[in-house]
Structure formats: structure tokens, C-alpha cells
PDB file of all heavy atoms in Angstrom:
ATOM      1  N   SER A   1     -17.228 -25.746 -13.123  1.00  0.00           N
ATOM      2  CA  SER A   1     -18.204 -25.683 -14.204  1.00  0.00           C
ATOM      3  C   SER A   1     -18.098 -24.378 -14.994  1.00  0.00           C
ATOM      4  O   SER A   1     -18.870 -24.150 -15.895  1.00  0.00           O
ATOM      5  CB  SER A   1     -19.619 -25.848 -13.639  1.00  0.00           C
ATOM      6  OG  SER A   1     -19.926 -24.762 -12.797  1.00  0.00           O
ATOM      7  N   HIS A   2     -17.138 -23.525 -14.646  1.00  0.00           N
ATOM      8  CA  HIS A   2     -16.970 -22.245 -15.331  1.00  0.00           C
ATOM      9  C   HIS A   2     -16.440 -22.468 -16.748  1.00  0.00           C
ATOM     10  O   HIS A   2     -15.502 -23.215 -16.968  1.00  0.00           O
ATOM     11  CB  HIS A   2     -15.997 -21.371 -14.540  1.00  0.00           C
ATOM     12  CG  HIS A   2     -15.670 -20.085 -15.235  1.00  0.00           C
ATOM     13  ND1 HIS A   2     -16.568 -19.054 -15.312  1.00  0.00           N
ATOM     14  CD2 HIS A   2     -14.571 -19.692 -15.898  1.00  0.00           C
ATOM     15  CE1 HIS A   2     -16.022 -18.071 -15.994  1.00  0.00           C
ATOM     16  NE2 HIS A   2     -14.811 -18.425 -16.354  1.00  0.00           N
ATOM     17  N   VAL A   3     -17.051 -21.816 -17.690  1.00  0.00           N
ATOM     18  CA  VAL A   3     -16.610 -21.859 -19.071  1.00  0.00           C
ATOM     19  C   VAL A   3     -16.227 -20.439 -19.458  1.00  0.00           C
ATOM     20  O   VAL A   3     -17.021 -19.514 -19.267  1.00  0.00           O
ATOM     21  CB  VAL A   3     -17.738 -22.366 -20.000  1.00  0.00           C
ATOM     22  CG1 VAL A   3     -17.307 -22.362 -21.456  1.00  0.00           C
ATOM     23  CG2 VAL A   3     -18.189 -23.755 -19.571  1.00  0.00           C
ATOM     24  N   PRO A   4     -15.017 -20.233 -19.968  1.00  0.00           N
ATOM     25  CA  PRO A   4     -14.622 -18.871 -20.374  1.00  0.00           C
ATOM     26  C   PRO A   4     -15.596 -18.296 -21.393  1.00  0.00           C
ATOM     27  O   PRO A   4     -16.137 -19.015 -22.239  1.00  0.00           O
ATOM     28  CB  PRO A   4     -13.240 -19.071 -20.992  1.00  0.00           C
ATOM     29  CG  PRO A   4     -12.745 -20.364 -20.441  1.00  0.00           C
ATOM     30  CD  PRO A   4     -13.965 -21.197 -20.191  1.00  0.00           C
ATOM     31  N   LEU A   5     -15.792 -17.001 -21.315  1.00  0.00           N
ATOM     32  CA  LEU A   5     -16.734 -16.318 -22.179  1.00  0.00           C
ATOM     33  C   LEU A   5     -16.430 -16.564 -23.654  1.00  0.00           C
ATOM     34  O   LEU A   5     -17.336 -16.726 -24.467  1.00  0.00           O
ATOM     35  CB  LEU A   5     -16.704 -14.812 -21.871  1.00  0.00           C
ATOM     36  CG  LEU A   5     -17.700 -13.944 -22.615  1.00  0.00           C
ATOM     37  CD1 LEU A   5     -19.124 -14.377 -22.302  1.00  0.00           C
ATOM     38  CD2 LEU A   5     -17.510 -12.491 -22.240  1.00  0.00           C
ATOM     39  N   GLU A   6     -15.138 -16.614 -23.977  1.00  0.00           N
ATOM     40  CA  GLU A   6     -14.755 -16.819 -25.374  1.00  0.00           C
ATOM     41  C   GLU A   6     -15.223 -18.164 -25.921  1.00  0.00           C
ATOM     42  O   GLU A   6     -15.412 -18.331 -27.111  1.00  0.00           O
ATOM     43  CB  GLU A   6     -13.224 -16.755 -25.538  1.00  0.00           C
ATOM     44  CG  GLU A   6     -12.577 -15.463 -25.093  1.00  0.00           C
ATOM     45  CD  GLU A   6     -12.361 -15.423 -23.580  1.00  0.00           C
ATOM     46  OE1 GLU A   6     -11.977 -16.433 -22.973  1.00  0.00           O
ATOM     47  OE2 GLU A   6     -12.614 -14.365 -23.006  1.00  0.00           O
ATOM     48  N   GLU A   7     -15.433 -19.146 -25.027  1.00  0.00           N
ATOM     49  CA  GLU A   7     -15.828 -20.474 -25.474  1.00  0.00           C
ATOM     50  C   GLU A   7     -17.338 -20.674 -25.525  1.00  0.00           C
ATOM     51  O   GLU A   7     -17.810 -21.708 -25.984  1.00  0.00           O
ATOM     52  CB  GLU A   7     -15.206 -21.529 -24.563  1.00  0.00           C
ATOM     53  CG  GLU A   7     -13.692 -21.559 -24.633  1.00  0.00           C
ATOM     54  CD  GLU A   7     -13.090 -22.558 -23.666  1.00  0.00           C
ATOM     55  OE1 GLU A   7     -13.814 -23.432 -23.155  1.00  0.00           O
ATOM     56  OE2 GLU A   7     -11.875 -22.468 -23.419  1.00  0.00           O
ATOM     57  N   LEU A   8     -18.098 -19.715 -25.035  1.00  0.00           N
ATOM     58  CA  LEU A   8     -19.548 -19.856 -25.044  1.00  0.00           C
ATOM     59  C   LEU A   8     -20.095 -19.660 -26.451  1.00  0.00           C
ATOM     60  O   LEU A   8     -19.669 -18.760 -27.171  1.00  0.00           O
ATOM     61  CB  LEU A   8     -20.193 -18.825 -24.118  1.00  0.00           C
ATOM     62  CG  LEU A   8     -20.069 -19.069 -22.631  1.00  0.00           C
ATOM     63  CD1 LEU A   8     -20.660 -17.890 -21.869  1.00  0.00           C
ATOM     64  CD2 LEU A   8     -20.778 -20.343 -22.229  1.00  0.00           C
ATOM     65  N   PRO A   9     -21.036 -20.507 -26.803  1.00  0.00           N
ATOM     66  CA  PRO A   9     -21.669 -20.294 -28.116  1.00  0.00           C
ATOM     67  C   PRO A   9     -22.627 -19.107 -28.013  1.00  0.00           C
ATOM     68  O   PRO A   9     -23.562 -19.121 -27.231  1.00  0.00           O
ATOM     69  CB  PRO A   9     -22.441 -21.595 -28.360  1.00  0.00           C
ATOM     70  CG  PRO A   9     -22.673 -22.167 -27.004  1.00  0.00           C
ATOM     71  CD  PRO A   9     -21.545 -21.689 -26.147  1.00  0.00           C
ATOM     72  N   ILE A  10     -22.340 -18.075 -28.745  1.00  0.00           N
ATOM     73  CA  ILE A  10     -23.155 -16.859 -28.694  1.00  0.00           C
ATOM     74  C   ILE A  10     -23.870 -16.701 -30.032  1.00  0.00           C
ATOM     75  O   ILE A  10     -23.257 -16.831 -31.095  1.00  0.00           O
ATOM     76  CB  ILE A  10     -22.279 -15.621 -28.410  1.00  0.00           C
ATOM     77  CG1 ILE A  10     -21.598 -15.798 -27.052  1.00  0.00           C
ATOM     78  CG2 ILE A  10     -23.104 -14.351 -28.461  1.00  0.00           C
ATOM     79  CD1 ILE A  10     -20.618 -14.717 -26.694  1.00  0.00           C
ATOM     80  N   ALA A  11     -25.147 -16.451 -29.928  1.00  0.00           N
ATOM     81  CA  ALA A  11     -25.927 -16.257 -31.147  1.00  0.00           C
ATOM     82  C   ALA A  11     -25.390 -15.044 -31.890  1.00  0.00           C
ATOM     83  O   ALA A  11     -25.065 -14.016 -31.288  1.00  0.00           O
ATOM     84  CB  ALA A  11     -27.393 -16.058 -30.799  1.00  0.00           C
ATOM     85  N   GLN A  12     -25.298 -15.148 -33.166  1.00  0.00           N
ATOM     86  CA  GLN A  12     -24.719 -14.089 -33.983  1.00  0.00           C
ATOM     87  C   GLN A  12     -25.793 -13.195 -34.578  1.00  0.00           C
ATOM     88  O   GLN A  12     -25.662 -12.728 -35.704  1.00  0.00           O
ATOM     89  CB  GLN A  12     -23.867 -14.720 -35.104  1.00  0.00           C
ATOM     90  CG  GLN A  12     -22.682 -15.504 -34.610  1.00  0.00           C
ATOM     91  CD  GLN A  12     -21.704 -14.634 -33.842  1.00  0.00           C
ATOM     92  OE1 GLN A  12     -21.454 -13.499 -34.187  1.00  0.00           O
ATOM     93  NE2 GLN A  12     -21.170 -15.182 -32.761  1.00  0.00           N
ATOM     94  N   ASP A  13     -26.844 -12.984 -33.824  1.00  0.00           N
ATOM     95  CA  ASP A  13     -27.901 -12.105 -34.318  1.00  0.00           C
ATOM     96  C   ASP A  13     -27.425 -10.663 -34.237  1.00  0.00           C
ATOM     97  O   ASP A  13     -27.366 -10.079 -33.165  1.00  0.00           O
ATOM     98  CB  ASP A  13     -29.184 -12.271 -33.485  1.00  0.00           C
ATOM     99  CG  ASP A  13     -29.798 -13.634 -33.638  1.00  0.00           C
ATOM    100  OD1 ASP A  13     -29.546 -14.270 -34.672  1.00  0.00           O
ATOM    101  OD2 ASP A  13     -30.547 -14.052 -32.729  1.00  0.00           O
ATOM    102  N   GLU A  14     -27.048 -10.107 -35.349  1.00  0.00           N
ATOM    103  CA  GLU A  14     -26.629  -8.712 -35.429  1.00  0.00           C
ATOM    104  C   GLU A  14     -27.865  -7.841 -35.318  1.00  0.00           C
ATOM    105  O   GLU A  14     -28.925  -8.165 -35.835  1.00  0.00           O
ATOM    106  CB  GLU A  14     -25.982  -8.427 -36.792  1.00  0.00           C
ATOM    107  CG  GLU A  14     -24.505  -8.646 -36.909  1.00  0.00           C
ATOM    108  CD  GLU A  14     -23.659  -7.749 -36.038  1.00  0.00           C
ATOM    109  OE1 GLU A  14     -23.867  -6.521 -36.005  1.00  0.00           O
ATOM    110  OE2 GLU A  14     -22.772  -8.301 -35.390  1.00  0.00           O
ATOM    111  N   LEU A  15     -27.697  -6.735 -34.636  1.00  0.00           N
ATOM    112  CA  LEU A  15     -28.785  -5.772 -34.586  1.00  0.00           C
ATOM    113  C   LEU A  15     -28.830  -4.998 -35.895  1.00  0.00           C
ATOM    114  O   LEU A  15     -27.786  -4.663 -36.466  1.00  0.00           O
ATOM    115  CB  LEU A  15     -28.572  -4.798 -33.430  1.00  0.00           C
ATOM    116  CG  LEU A  15     -28.650  -5.359 -32.014  1.00  0.00           C
ATOM    117  CD1 LEU A  15     -28.327  -4.264 -31.016  1.00  0.00           C
ATOM    118  CD2 LEU A  15     -30.021  -5.931 -31.736  1.00  0.00           C
ATOM    119  N   SER A  16     -30.014  -4.744 -36.321  1.00  0.00           N
ATOM    120  CA  SER A  16     -30.164  -3.933 -37.536  1.00  0.00           C
ATOM    121  C   SER A  16     -29.778  -2.495 -37.204  1.00  0.00           C
ATOM    122  O   SER A  16     -29.677  -2.109 -36.034  1.00  0.00           O
ATOM    123  CB  SER A  16     -31.598  -4.001 -38.050  1.00  0.00           C
ATOM    124  OG  SER A  16     -32.448  -3.301 -37.169  1.00  0.00           O
ATOM    125  N   GLN A  17     -29.573  -1.701 -38.211  1.00  0.00           N
ATOM    126  CA  GLN A  17     -29.226  -0.292 -38.029  1.00  0.00           C
ATOM    127  C   GLN A  17     -30.294   0.420 -37.215  1.00  0.00           C
ATOM    128  O   GLN A  17     -29.985   1.192 -36.318  1.00  0.00           O
ATOM    129  CB  GLN A  17     -29.036   0.385 -39.401  1.00  0.00           C
ATOM    130  CG  GLN A  17     -28.615   1.832 -39.345  1.00  0.00           C
ATOM    131  CD  GLN A  17     -27.202   2.005 -38.778  1.00  0.00           C
ATOM    132  OE1 GLN A  17     -26.380   1.101 -38.847  1.00  0.00           O
ATOM    133  NE2 GLN A  17     -26.948   3.167 -38.219  1.00  0.00           N
ATOM    134  N   ASP A  18     -31.562   0.151 -37.528  1.00  0.00           N
ATOM    135  CA  ASP A  18     -32.668   0.776 -36.798  1.00  0.00           C
ATOM    136  C   ASP A  18     -32.659   0.363 -35.325  1.00  0.00           C
ATOM    137  O   ASP A  18     -32.871   1.193 -34.437  1.00  0.00           O
ATOM    138  CB  ASP A  18     -34.014   0.402 -37.421  1.00  0.00           C
ATOM    139  CG  ASP A  18     -34.226   1.050 -38.781  1.00  0.00           C
ATOM    140  OD1 ASP A  18     -33.574   2.081 -39.051  1.00  0.00           O
ATOM    141  OD2 ASP A  18     -35.037   0.526 -39.563  1.00  0.00           O
ATOM    142  N   GLU A  19     -32.425  -0.931 -35.057  1.00  0.00           N
ATOM    143  CA  GLU A  19     -32.394  -1.420 -33.679  1.00  0.00           C
ATOM    144  C   GLU A  19     -31.233  -0.798 -32.901  1.00  0.00           C
ATOM    145  O   GLU A  19     -31.389  -0.441 -31.732  1.00  0.00           O
ATOM    146  CB  GLU A  19     -32.277  -2.954 -33.657  1.00  0.00           C
ATOM    147  CG  GLU A  19     -33.537  -3.650 -34.127  1.00  0.00           C
ATOM    148  CD  GLU A  19     -33.331  -5.145 -34.304  1.00  0.00           C
ATOM    149  OE1 GLU A  19     -32.222  -5.563 -34.704  1.00  0.00           O
ATOM    150  OE2 GLU A  19     -34.280  -5.891 -34.036  1.00  0.00           O
ATOM    151  N   ARG A  20     -30.096  -0.642 -33.571  1.00  0.00           N
ATOM    152  CA  ARG A  20     -28.959  -0.005 -32.908  1.00  0.00           C
ATOM    153  C   ARG A  20     -29.250   1.451 -32.574  1.00  0.00           C
ATOM    154  O   ARG A  20     -28.887   1.948 -31.519  1.00  0.00           O
ATOM    155  CB  ARG A  20     -27.699  -0.101 -33.790  1.00  0.00           C
ATOM    156  CG  ARG A  20     -26.998  -1.428 -33.665  1.00  0.00           C
ATOM    157  CD  ARG A  20     -25.635  -1.331 -34.284  1.00  0.00           C
ATOM    158  NE  ARG A  20     -25.740  -1.107 -35.717  1.00  0.00           N
ATOM    159  CZ  ARG A  20     -25.358  -1.959 -36.647  1.00  0.00           C
ATOM    160  NH1 ARG A  20     -24.793  -3.076 -36.316  1.00  0.00           N
ATOM    161  NH2 ARG A  20     -25.509  -1.676 -37.910  1.00  0.00           N
ATOM    162  N   LEU A  21     -29.913   2.157 -33.472  1.00  0.00           N
ATOM    163  CA  LEU A  21     -30.282   3.550 -33.221  1.00  0.00           C
ATOM    164  C   LEU A  21     -31.264   3.672 -32.060  1.00  0.00           C
ATOM    165  O   LEU A  21     -31.128   4.542 -31.202  1.00  0.00           O
ATOM    166  CB  LEU A  21     -30.870   4.189 -34.487  1.00  0.00           C
ATOM    167  CG  LEU A  21     -29.872   4.479 -35.611  1.00  0.00           C
ATOM    168  CD1 LEU A  21     -30.596   4.947 -36.860  1.00  0.00           C
ATOM    169  CD2 LEU A  21     -28.856   5.525 -35.156  1.00  0.00           C
ATOM    170  N   VAL A  22     -32.244   2.756 -32.007  1.00  0.00           N
ATOM    171  CA  VAL A  22     -33.217   2.769 -30.912  1.00  0.00           C
ATOM    172  C   VAL A  22     -32.515   2.484 -29.601  1.00  0.00           C
ATOM    173  O   VAL A  22     -32.772   3.143 -28.590  1.00  0.00           O
ATOM    174  CB  VAL A  22     -34.349   1.748 -31.189  1.00  0.00           C
ATOM    175  CG1 VAL A  22     -35.203   1.533 -29.950  1.00  0.00           C
ATOM    176  CG2 VAL A  22     -35.202   2.205 -32.358  1.00  0.00           C
ATOM    177  N   LEU A  23     -31.609   1.509 -29.607  1.00  0.00           N
ATOM    178  CA  LEU A  23     -30.861   1.170 -28.394  1.00  0.00           C
ATOM    179  C   LEU A  23     -29.997   2.355 -27.945  1.00  0.00           C
ATOM    180  O   LEU A  23     -29.954   2.688 -26.753  1.00  0.00           O
ATOM    181  CB  LEU A  23     -29.991  -0.063 -28.641  1.00  0.00           C
ATOM    182  CG  LEU A  23     -29.208  -0.609 -27.455  1.00  0.00           C
ATOM    183  CD1 LEU A  23     -30.144  -1.017 -26.321  1.00  0.00           C
ATOM    184  CD2 LEU A  23     -28.367  -1.802 -27.885  1.00  0.00           C
ATOM    185  N   GLN A  24     -29.318   2.998 -28.876  1.00  0.00           N
ATOM    186  CA  GLN A  24     -28.491   4.156 -28.555  1.00  0.00           C
ATOM    187  C   GLN A  24     -29.340   5.294 -28.001  1.00  0.00           C
ATOM    188  O   GLN A  24     -28.981   5.941 -27.016  1.00  0.00           O
ATOM    189  CB  GLN A  24     -27.725   4.623 -29.797  1.00  0.00           C
ATOM    190  CG  GLN A  24     -26.818   5.805 -29.548  1.00  0.00           C
ATOM    191  CD  GLN A  24     -25.733   5.501 -28.526  1.00  0.00           C
ATOM    192  OE1 GLN A  24     -25.242   4.381 -28.426  1.00  0.00           O
ATOM    193  NE2 GLN A  24     -25.376   6.509 -27.751  1.00  0.00           N
TER     194      GLN A  24
END
């Protein structure tokens, strides 16, 4: 039942600049 990571549908929600700064 393993599906390679490359084949998984991943949401393309990009982090905003502010969210990236907070995460960093």
C-alpha cells in the first residue's frame, strides 16, 4: 500500500512571506 512521496497529491498552499518569517 506504499505510495512514493512524489506521487502523493500535496496541497500547494504556499506560505506567505510573513508566515515563512514567523516559522524561521
